[in-house]
Amino acid sequence: MTTGFVDAAEIMARACGLAGYRFAVIEHPVASATDEQLRERAVAAVTQGLDLLLMDRLDG
């Protein structure tokens, strides 16, 4: 998710019965980002995704 849409994603998660659902968040916007900015956002998304997966594994 990008920072510009976090509120909408949280509302959708609640509407689907998944309040508190965790997801990776990268800087907005994506469409006008440079290649370097996209690389940085991709690294951030992967890092956050791994953290979320590992935390779930440790918690459960």
Protein backbone atom coordinates (compact mmCIF):
# COMPACT_ATOMS: atom_id res chain seq x y z
CA MET A 1 0.00 0.00 0.00
CA THR A 2 1.20 3.53 -0.57
CA THR A 3 0.99 6.21 2.11
CA GLY A 4 -1.73 7.95 0.13
CA PHE A 5 -4.13 5.03 0.52
CA VAL A 6 -3.47 3.65 4.01
CA ASP A 7 -6.74 5.00 5.41
CA ALA A 8 -8.72 3.39 2.60
CA ALA A 9 -6.91 0.08 3.07
CA GLU A 10 -7.61 0.11 6.81
CA ILE A 11 -11.30 0.83 6.18
CA MET A 12 -11.47 -2.01 3.65
CA ALA A 13 -9.76 -4.40 6.05
CA ARG A 14 -12.29 -3.53 8.77
CA ALA A 15 -15.17 -3.94 6.31
CA CYS A 16 -13.85 -7.42 5.49
CA GLY A 17 -13.65 -8.34 9.17
CA LEU A 18 -9.89 -7.95 9.36
CA ALA A 19 -9.50 -4.94 11.65
CA GLY A 20 -5.84 -4.48 12.51
CA TYR A 21 -4.66 -6.27 9.35
CA ARG A 22 -1.01 -5.40 8.82
CA PHE A 23 0.47 -4.59 5.43
CA ALA A 24 3.58 -3.03 3.98
CA VAL A 25 3.41 0.71 3.32
CA ILE A 26 5.59 2.55 0.82
CA GLU A 27 5.81 6.22 -0.10
CA HIS A 28 3.25 7.70 -2.45
CA PRO A 29 3.15 8.26 -5.38
CA VAL A 30 4.43 5.38 -7.46
CA ALA A 31 3.42 6.45 -10.98
CA SER A 32 5.70 9.49 -11.08
CA ALA A 33 8.58 7.99 -9.08
CA THR A 34 12.03 7.74 -10.63
CA ASP A 35 13.71 4.38 -11.12
CA GLU A 36 15.83 5.00 -8.02
CA GLN A 37 12.76 5.92 -5.95
CA LEU A 38 11.00 2.77 -7.15
CA ARG A 39 14.02 0.67 -6.16
CA GLU A 40 13.99 2.25 -2.70
CA ARG A 41 10.26 1.60 -2.35
CA ALA A 42 10.68 -1.99 -3.51
CA VAL A 43 13.38 -2.59 -0.90
CA ALA A 44 11.16 -1.01 1.76
CA ALA A 45 8.18 -3.18 0.73
CA VAL A 46 10.22 -6.39 0.77
CA THR A 47 11.81 -5.50 4.12
CA GLN A 48 8.43 -4.74 5.67
CA GLY A 49 6.91 -7.86 4.12
CA LEU A 50 9.63 -10.06 5.57
CA ASP A 51 9.20 -8.42 8.96
CA LEU A 52 5.45 -9.07 8.83
CA LEU A 53 5.96 -12.71 7.84
CA LEU A 54 8.64 -13.32 10.45
CA MET A 55 6.63 -11.64 13.20
CA ASP A 56 3.61 -13.78 12.31
CA ARG A 57 5.80 -16.85 12.47
CA LEU A 58 7.26 -15.87 15.84
CA ASP A 59 3.83 -14.93 17.23
CA GLY A 60 2.08 -18.07 16.03
